[in-house]
Amino acid sequence: MAFQAGGQRPAPRPGPATPDAQAYLQDYTALLEAVAFPSLVVDHRWDVVLTNSAFRTLFRGAGPHPTAMPGDNFLRFVLFHPDASGVLGEHESSWCLPMLAHFAATLERYGHDPGLQAVRRDIAQDPIMEAAYRQGLPHWMRAVGAEAVEHDGAVRPLHHPDPRWGATECRVVVETPRVLEELGYTRLTLVLREPRRTPPRPARPRRGTARLRVVPASE
């Protein structure tokens, strides 16, 4: 598990077999740790390869979950973890829908990937999320446009556990160097912005599986 509650830096997940690639990831881990903002490296399934301390601090309040810890698979965390809305502001509209849109595009490209197929099955087991995925998501994507599947540059609300940040926003910056890209990895950084002057409505606590409600089930 890449996510750890303490301050100890996790080791990279087993991945590239070549010594050069392994050495690169070790050095990139040190670079990531020097970044002040939450940052993570994921593969096309959103399996987390690396995180830094700022990322682990942001999600330190997430309770145990068998398949959706933020440092294991970030897509699953956003979609299925009951504590996700406590950190990710406007959880459904600002985080779930963009992640679902990106997932749908990735599934078209890697349709036989067993990890992606497992996520698809879990979506299908939730009637509300399945309706949103099959009927509501296409409607939302037509309304938003091509940017629906793009994370880079998006500004999204957060609830940071550090009171110095509190209710704030982050800009998602996707910045992937050539070697990471060749390894099949992507790096995302959540660049924290100044806290909002007017606090938003507190996020409603959720228990059980995360559910989508903001997308109509049909047009």
C-alpha atoms as a PDB file:
ATOM      1  CA  MET A   1       0.000   0.000   0.000  1.00  0.00           C
ATOM      2  CA  ALA A   2       1.430   3.350  -1.060  1.00  0.00           C
ATOM      3  CA  PHE A   3      -0.691   5.416   1.351  1.00  0.00           C
ATOM      4  CA  GLN A   4       0.588   5.653   4.884  1.00  0.00           C
ATOM      5  CA  ALA A   5      -0.776   7.781   7.688  1.00  0.00           C
ATOM      6  CA  GLY A   6       2.623   8.591   9.116  1.00  0.00           C
ATOM      7  CA  GLY A   7       5.394  10.707   7.707  1.00  0.00           C
ATOM      8  CA  GLN A   8       7.480   7.839   6.397  1.00  0.00           C
ATOM      9  CA  ARG A   9       7.928   7.925   2.635  1.00  0.00           C
ATOM     10  CA  PRO A  10       6.474   4.838   0.920  1.00  0.00           C
ATOM     11  CA  ALA A  11       8.598   2.848  -1.487  1.00  0.00           C
ATOM     12  CA  PRO A  12       7.589   2.834  -5.160  1.00  0.00           C
ATOM     13  CA  ARG A  13       5.277   0.005  -6.188  1.00  0.00           C
ATOM     14  CA  PRO A  14       6.951  -2.902  -7.982  1.00  0.00           C
ATOM     15  CA  GLY A  15       7.082  -1.901 -11.608  1.00  0.00           C
ATOM     16  CA  PRO A  16       9.746  -1.565 -14.262  1.00  0.00           C
ATOM     17  CA  ALA A  17      12.262  -4.384 -14.194  1.00  0.00           C
ATOM     18  CA  THR A  18      15.207  -2.529 -15.662  1.00  0.00           C
ATOM     19  CA  PRO A  19      17.734  -1.129 -13.180  1.00  0.00           C
ATOM     20  CA  ASP A  20      17.718   2.246 -14.944  1.00  0.00           C
ATOM     21  CA  ALA A  21      13.957   2.568 -14.616  1.00  0.00           C
ATOM     22  CA  GLN A  22      14.047   1.549 -10.964  1.00  0.00           C
ATOM     23  CA  ALA A  23      16.803   4.050 -10.229  1.00  0.00           C
ATOM     24  CA  TYR A  24      14.843   6.764 -12.013  1.00  0.00           C
ATOM     25  CA  LEU A  25      11.761   6.096  -9.888  1.00  0.00           C
ATOM     26  CA  GLN A  26      13.828   6.152  -6.714  1.00  0.00           C
ATOM     27  CA  ASP A  27      15.228   9.552  -7.651  1.00  0.00           C
ATOM     28  CA  TYR A  28      11.814  10.763  -8.748  1.00  0.00           C
ATOM     29  CA  THR A  29      10.472   9.782  -5.327  1.00  0.00           C
ATOM     30  CA  ALA A  30      12.971  12.164  -3.746  1.00  0.00           C
ATOM     31  CA  LEU A  31      11.950  14.907  -6.183  1.00  0.00           C
ATOM     32  CA  LEU A  32       8.261  14.379  -5.434  1.00  0.00           C
ATOM     33  CA  GLU A  33       8.917  14.589  -1.713  1.00  0.00           C
ATOM     34  CA  ALA A  34      10.462  18.030  -2.166  1.00  0.00           C
ATOM     35  CA  VAL A  35       7.221  19.392  -3.677  1.00  0.00           C
ATOM     36  CA  ALA A  36       5.138  21.396  -1.195  1.00  0.00           C
ATOM     37  CA  PHE A  37       1.785  20.565  -2.822  1.00  0.00           C
ATOM     38  CA  PRO A  38       0.008  17.190  -2.874  1.00  0.00           C
ATOM     39  CA  SER A  39       1.392  15.198  -5.783  1.00  0.00           C
ATOM     40  CA  LEU A  40       0.986  11.646  -7.050  1.00  0.00           C
ATOM     41  CA  VAL A  41       2.088   9.422  -9.906  1.00  0.00           C
ATOM     42  CA  VAL A  42      -0.437   6.973 -11.351  1.00  0.00           C
ATOM     43  CA  ASP A  43      -0.700   4.480 -14.179  1.00  0.00           C
ATOM     44  CA  HIS A  44      -3.572   4.314 -16.695  1.00  0.00           C
ATOM     45  CA  ARG A  45      -5.735   2.458 -14.149  1.00  0.00           C
ATOM     46  CA  TRP A  46      -5.124   5.229 -11.587  1.00  0.00           C
ATOM     47  CA  ASP A  47      -3.179   2.730  -9.497  1.00  0.00           C
ATOM     48  CA  VAL A  48      -0.914   4.935  -7.395  1.00  0.00           C
ATOM     49  CA  VAL A  49       2.807   4.474  -8.008  1.00  0.00           C
ATOM     50  CA  LEU A  50       4.180   7.321  -5.862  1.00  0.00           C
ATOM     51  CA  THR A  51       2.853   9.963  -3.476  1.00  0.00           C
ATOM     52  CA  ASN A  52       4.519  12.674  -1.417  1.00  0.00           C
ATOM     53  CA  SER A  53       4.015  13.742   2.199  1.00  0.00           C
ATOM     54  CA  ALA A  54       1.692  16.594   1.213  1.00  0.00           C
ATOM     55  CA  PHE A  55      -0.609  14.110  -0.523  1.00  0.00           C
ATOM     56  CA  ARG A  56      -0.633  11.794   2.477  1.00  0.00           C
ATOM     57  CA  THR A  57      -1.386  14.721   4.784  1.00  0.00           C
ATOM     58  CA  LEU A  58      -4.329  15.820   2.631  1.00  0.00           C
ATOM     59  CA  PHE A  59      -5.942  12.372   2.780  1.00  0.00           C
ATOM     60  CA  ARG A  60      -4.839  11.309   6.252  1.00  0.00           C
ATOM     61  CA  GLY A  61      -8.414  11.305   7.538  1.00  0.00           C
ATOM     62  CA  ALA A  62      -9.639   8.681   5.085  1.00  0.00           C
ATOM     63  CA  GLY A  63     -10.818   5.634   6.980  1.00  0.00           C
ATOM     64  CA  PRO A  64      -9.971   2.065   6.030  1.00  0.00           C
ATOM     65  CA  HIS A  65     -11.443   0.691   2.831  1.00  0.00           C
ATOM     66  CA  PRO A  66     -10.666  -2.643   1.160  1.00  0.00           C
ATOM     67  CA  THR A  67     -10.345  -1.326  -2.409  1.00  0.00           C
ATOM     68  CA  ALA A  68     -10.544   2.485  -2.444  1.00  0.00           C
ATOM     69  CA  MET A  69      -7.730   3.966  -0.378  1.00  0.00           C
ATOM     70  CA  PRO A  70      -6.392   7.218  -1.897  1.00  0.00           C
ATOM     71  CA  GLY A  71      -2.827   5.948  -2.042  1.00  0.00           C
ATOM     72  CA  ASP A  72      -3.820   2.665  -3.698  1.00  0.00           C
ATOM     73  CA  ASN A  73      -6.117   3.698  -6.532  1.00  0.00           C
ATOM     74  CA  PHE A  74      -7.206   7.315  -6.777  1.00  0.00           C
ATOM     75  CA  LEU A  75     -10.073   6.629  -9.200  1.00  0.00           C
ATOM     76  CA  ARG A  76     -11.601   4.136  -6.799  1.00  0.00           C
ATOM     77  CA  PHE A  77     -11.139   6.561  -3.909  1.00  0.00           C
ATOM     78  CA  VAL A  78     -13.042   9.312  -5.710  1.00  0.00           C
ATOM     79  CA  LEU A  79     -15.859   7.021  -6.821  1.00  0.00           C
ATOM     80  CA  PHE A  80     -16.284   4.588  -3.948  1.00  0.00           C
ATOM     81  CA  HIS A  81     -14.735   5.771  -0.680  1.00  0.00           C
ATOM     82  CA  PRO A  82     -17.372   7.081   1.780  1.00  0.00           C
ATOM     83  CA  ASP A  83     -14.928   9.672   3.149  1.00  0.00           C
ATOM     84  CA  ALA A  84     -14.022  11.164  -0.238  1.00  0.00           C
ATOM     85  CA  SER A  85     -16.535  13.997   0.032  1.00  0.00           C
ATOM     86  CA  GLY A  86     -14.922  15.087   3.293  1.00  0.00           C
ATOM     87  CA  VAL A  87     -11.793  16.103   1.377  1.00  0.00           C
ATOM     88  CA  LEU A  88     -12.957  16.638  -2.189  1.00  0.00           C
ATOM     89  CA  GLY A  89     -15.276  19.645  -2.228  1.00  0.00           C
ATOM     90  CA  GLU A  90     -18.353  19.568  -4.472  1.00  0.00           C
ATOM     91  CA  HIS A  91     -17.499  15.904  -4.679  1.00  0.00           C
ATOM     92  CA  GLU A  92     -20.014  14.797  -7.274  1.00  0.00           C
ATOM     93  CA  SER A  93     -19.884  17.631  -9.791  1.00  0.00           C
ATOM     94  CA  SER A  94     -16.222  18.619  -9.450  1.00  0.00           C
ATOM     95  CA  TRP A  95     -14.558  15.244  -8.900  1.00  0.00           C
ATOM     96  CA  CYS A  96     -16.793  12.238  -9.626  1.00  0.00           C
ATOM     97  CA  LEU A  97     -18.050  13.338 -13.030  1.00  0.00           C
ATOM     98  CA  PRO A  98     -14.634  14.338 -14.438  1.00  0.00           C
ATOM     99  CA  MET A  99     -13.147  11.083 -13.151  1.00  0.00           C
ATOM    100  CA  LEU A 100     -15.998   9.072 -14.662  1.00  0.00           C
ATOM    101  CA  ALA A 101     -15.520  10.870 -17.972  1.00  0.00           C
ATOM    102  CA  HIS A 102     -11.806  10.122 -17.947  1.00  0.00           C
ATOM    103  CA  PHE A 103     -12.514   6.530 -16.963  1.00  0.00           C
ATOM    104  CA  ALA A 104     -14.944   6.089 -19.861  1.00  0.00           C
ATOM    105  CA  ALA A 105     -12.335   7.385 -22.314  1.00  0.00           C
ATOM    106  CA  THR A 106      -9.646   5.138 -20.831  1.00  0.00           C
ATOM    107  CA  LEU A 107     -11.941   2.115 -20.966  1.00  0.00           C
ATOM    108  CA  GLU A 108     -12.400   2.668 -24.705  1.00  0.00           C
ATOM    109  CA  ARG A 109      -8.630   2.543 -25.138  1.00  0.00           C
ATOM    110  CA  TYR A 110      -7.840  -0.312 -22.729  1.00  0.00           C
ATOM    111  CA  GLY A 111     -11.105  -2.212 -22.912  1.00  0.00           C
ATOM    112  CA  HIS A 112      -9.688  -5.595 -21.873  1.00  0.00           C
ATOM    113  CA  ASP A 113      -7.677  -4.338 -18.905  1.00  0.00           C
ATOM    114  CA  PRO A 114      -8.789  -6.444 -15.893  1.00  0.00           C
ATOM    115  CA  GLY A 115      -8.308  -3.577 -13.417  1.00  0.00           C
ATOM    116  CA  LEU A 116     -10.513  -1.240 -15.431  1.00  0.00           C
ATOM    117  CA  GLN A 117     -13.064  -3.975 -15.968  1.00  0.00           C
ATOM    118  CA  ALA A 118     -13.224  -4.492 -12.192  1.00  0.00           C
ATOM    119  CA  VAL A 119     -14.004  -0.784 -11.703  1.00  0.00           C
ATOM    120  CA  ARG A 120     -16.680  -1.045 -14.381  1.00  0.00           C
ATOM    121  CA  ARG A 121     -18.278  -3.972 -12.561  1.00  0.00           C
ATOM    122  CA  ASP A 122     -18.293  -2.056  -9.294  1.00  0.00           C
ATOM    123  CA  ILE A 123     -19.996   0.884 -11.007  1.00  0.00           C
ATOM    124  CA  ALA A 124     -22.607  -1.497 -12.407  1.00  0.00           C
ATOM    125  CA  GLN A 125     -23.361  -2.839  -8.928  1.00  0.00           C
ATOM    126  CA  ASP A 126     -24.506   0.615  -7.762  1.00  0.00           C
ATOM    127  CA  PRO A 127     -27.809   1.395  -9.561  1.00  0.00           C
ATOM    128  CA  ILE A 128     -27.495   5.165  -9.110  1.00  0.00           C
ATOM    129  CA  MET A 129     -23.894   5.318 -10.283  1.00  0.00           C
ATOM    130  CA  GLU A 130     -24.671   2.970 -13.166  1.00  0.00           C
ATOM    131  CA  ALA A 131     -27.540   5.200 -14.309  1.00  0.00           C
ATOM    132  CA  ALA A 132     -25.279   8.234 -14.071  1.00  0.00           C
ATOM    133  CA  TYR A 133     -22.559   6.460 -16.047  1.00  0.00           C
ATOM    134  CA  ARG A 134     -24.808   5.158 -18.821  1.00  0.00           C
ATOM    135  CA  GLN A 135     -27.327   7.984 -19.228  1.00  0.00           C
ATOM    136  CA  GLY A 136     -26.311  11.030 -17.210  1.00  0.00           C
ATOM    137  CA  LEU A 137     -22.605  11.118 -18.058  1.00  0.00           C
ATOM    138  CA  PRO A 138     -23.066  11.397 -21.866  1.00  0.00           C
ATOM    139  CA  HIS A 139     -25.500  14.265 -21.282  1.00  0.00           C
ATOM    140  CA  TRP A 140     -23.011  16.025 -18.997  1.00  0.00           C
ATOM    141  CA  MET A 141     -20.133  15.502 -21.437  1.00  0.00           C
ATOM    142  CA  ARG A 142     -22.132  17.033 -24.288  1.00  0.00           C
ATOM    143  CA  ALA A 143     -22.905  20.029 -22.096  1.00  0.00           C
ATOM    144  CA  VAL A 144     -19.325  20.511 -20.869  1.00  0.00           C
ATOM    145  CA  GLY A 145     -17.464  19.585 -24.055  1.00  0.00           C
ATOM    146  CA  ALA A 146     -14.102  17.971 -24.691  1.00  0.00           C
ATOM    147  CA  GLU A 147     -12.661  19.432 -21.491  1.00  0.00           C
ATOM    148  CA  ALA A 148     -14.745  16.909 -19.545  1.00  0.00           C
ATOM    149  CA  VAL A 149     -11.972  14.327 -19.811  1.00  0.00           C
ATOM    150  CA  GLU A 150      -9.107  16.740 -19.177  1.00  0.00           C
ATOM    151  CA  HIS A 151      -7.763  17.171 -15.660  1.00  0.00           C
ATOM    152  CA  ASP A 152      -4.876  19.524 -16.437  1.00  0.00           C
ATOM    153  CA  GLY A 153      -5.768  23.101 -15.519  1.00  0.00           C
ATOM    154  CA  ALA A 154      -9.014  22.278 -13.730  1.00  0.00           C
ATOM    155  CA  VAL A 155      -9.731  24.224 -10.533  1.00  0.00           C
ATOM    156  CA  ARG A 156     -11.521  22.122  -7.931  1.00  0.00           C
ATOM    157  CA  PRO A 157     -12.558  22.683  -4.294  1.00  0.00           C
ATOM    158  CA  LEU A 158     -10.900  20.921  -1.388  1.00  0.00           C
ATOM    159  CA  HIS A 159     -11.389  20.612   2.371  1.00  0.00           C
ATOM    160  CA  HIS A 160      -7.852  20.466   3.732  1.00  0.00           C
ATOM    161  CA  PRO A 161      -7.381  18.975   7.221  1.00  0.00           C
ATOM    162  CA  ASP A 162      -4.791  21.648   8.033  1.00  0.00           C
ATOM    163  CA  PRO A 163      -6.779  24.662   9.372  1.00  0.00           C
ATOM    164  CA  ARG A 164      -4.285  26.997   7.717  1.00  0.00           C
ATOM    165  CA  TRP A 165      -5.848  25.907   4.426  1.00  0.00           C
ATOM    166  CA  GLY A 166      -9.310  24.720   5.441  1.00  0.00           C
ATOM    167  CA  ALA A 167     -11.884  25.152   2.670  1.00  0.00           C
ATOM    168  CA  THR A 168      -9.830  26.049  -0.357  1.00  0.00           C
ATOM    169  CA  GLU A 169      -9.304  25.179  -4.007  1.00  0.00           C
ATOM    170  CA  CYS A 170      -6.611  23.471  -5.995  1.00  0.00           C
ATOM    171  CA  ARG A 171      -5.543  23.657  -9.593  1.00  0.00           C
ATOM    172  CA  VAL A 172      -4.794  20.242 -11.052  1.00  0.00           C
ATOM    173  CA  VAL A 173      -1.507  20.339 -12.947  1.00  0.00           C
ATOM    174  CA  VAL A 174      -0.586  17.328 -15.067  1.00  0.00           C
ATOM    175  CA  GLU A 175       3.150  17.400 -15.705  1.00  0.00           C
ATOM    176  CA  THR A 176       4.683  14.165 -16.945  1.00  0.00           C
ATOM    177  CA  PRO A 177       8.359  13.993 -17.966  1.00  0.00           C
ATOM    178  CA  ARG A 178       9.368  11.811 -20.885  1.00  0.00           C
ATOM    179  CA  VAL A 179      10.700   8.889 -18.864  1.00  0.00           C
ATOM    180  CA  LEU A 180       7.557   8.643 -16.737  1.00  0.00           C
ATOM    181  CA  GLU A 181       5.437   8.756 -19.868  1.00  0.00           C
ATOM    182  CA  GLU A 182       7.465   5.961 -21.444  1.00  0.00           C
ATOM    183  CA  LEU A 183       6.865   3.902 -18.296  1.00  0.00           C
ATOM    184  CA  GLY A 184       3.129   4.457 -18.695  1.00  0.00           C
ATOM    185  CA  TYR A 185       2.814   6.815 -15.732  1.00  0.00           C
ATOM    186  CA  THR A 186       1.280  10.259 -15.239  1.00  0.00           C
ATOM    187  CA  ARG A 187       2.033  12.805 -12.539  1.00  0.00           C
ATOM    188  CA  LEU A 188      -0.632  15.077 -11.093  1.00  0.00           C
ATOM    189  CA  THR A 189      -0.104  17.875  -8.589  1.00  0.00           C
ATOM    190  CA  LEU A 190      -2.875  19.626  -6.664  1.00  0.00           C
ATOM    191  CA  VAL A 191      -1.618  23.200  -6.423  1.00  0.00           C
ATOM    192  CA  LEU A 192      -3.348  24.662  -3.379  1.00  0.00           C
ATOM    193  CA  ARG A 193      -4.778  28.159  -3.694  1.00  0.00           C
ATOM    194  CA  GLU A 194      -5.535  30.759  -1.057  1.00  0.00           C
ATOM    195  CA  PRO A 195      -8.466  29.728   1.175  1.00  0.00           C
ATOM    196  CA  ARG A 196     -11.889  31.022   0.257  1.00  0.00           C
ATOM    197  CA  ARG A 197     -13.083  34.091   2.124  1.00  0.00           C
ATOM    198  CA  THR A 198     -16.610  32.717   2.555  1.00  0.00           C
ATOM    199  CA  PRO A 199     -16.742  29.121   3.779  1.00  0.00           C
ATOM    200  CA  PRO A 200     -18.899  26.853   1.612  1.00  0.00           C
ATOM    201  CA  ARG A 201     -21.650  24.635   2.972  1.00  0.00           C
ATOM    202  CA  PRO A 202     -20.129  21.874   5.104  1.00  0.00           C
ATOM    203  CA  ALA A 203     -19.874  18.572   3.284  1.00  0.00           C
ATOM    204  CA  ARG A 204     -22.556  16.172   4.395  1.00  0.00           C
ATOM    205  CA  PRO A 205     -21.094  13.074   6.003  1.00  0.00           C
ATOM    206  CA  ARG A 206     -21.612   9.887   4.034  1.00  0.00           C
ATOM    207  CA  ARG A 207     -21.522   6.302   5.017  1.00  0.00           C
ATOM    208  CA  GLY A 208     -21.483   3.356   2.704  1.00  0.00           C
ATOM    209  CA  THR A 209     -20.658   3.533  -0.990  1.00  0.00           C
ATOM    210  CA  ALA A 210     -20.289   6.962  -2.550  1.00  0.00           C
ATOM    211  CA  ARG A 211     -23.282   7.847  -4.707  1.00  0.00           C
ATOM    212  CA  LEU A 212     -23.902  10.265  -7.531  1.00  0.00           C
ATOM    213  CA  ARG A 213     -27.030  12.392  -7.386  1.00  0.00           C
ATOM    214  CA  VAL A 214     -26.336  15.505  -9.452  1.00  0.00           C
ATOM    215  CA  VAL A 215     -26.507  13.852 -12.873  1.00  0.00           C
ATOM    216  CA  PRO A 216     -29.991  13.046 -14.195  1.00  0.00           C
ATOM    217  CA  ALA A 217     -30.543   9.421 -15.035  1.00  0.00           C
ATOM    218  CA  SER A 218     -31.852  10.370 -18.459  1.00  0.00           C
ATOM    219  CA  GLU A 219     -31.991  13.405 -20.689  1.00  0.00           C
END
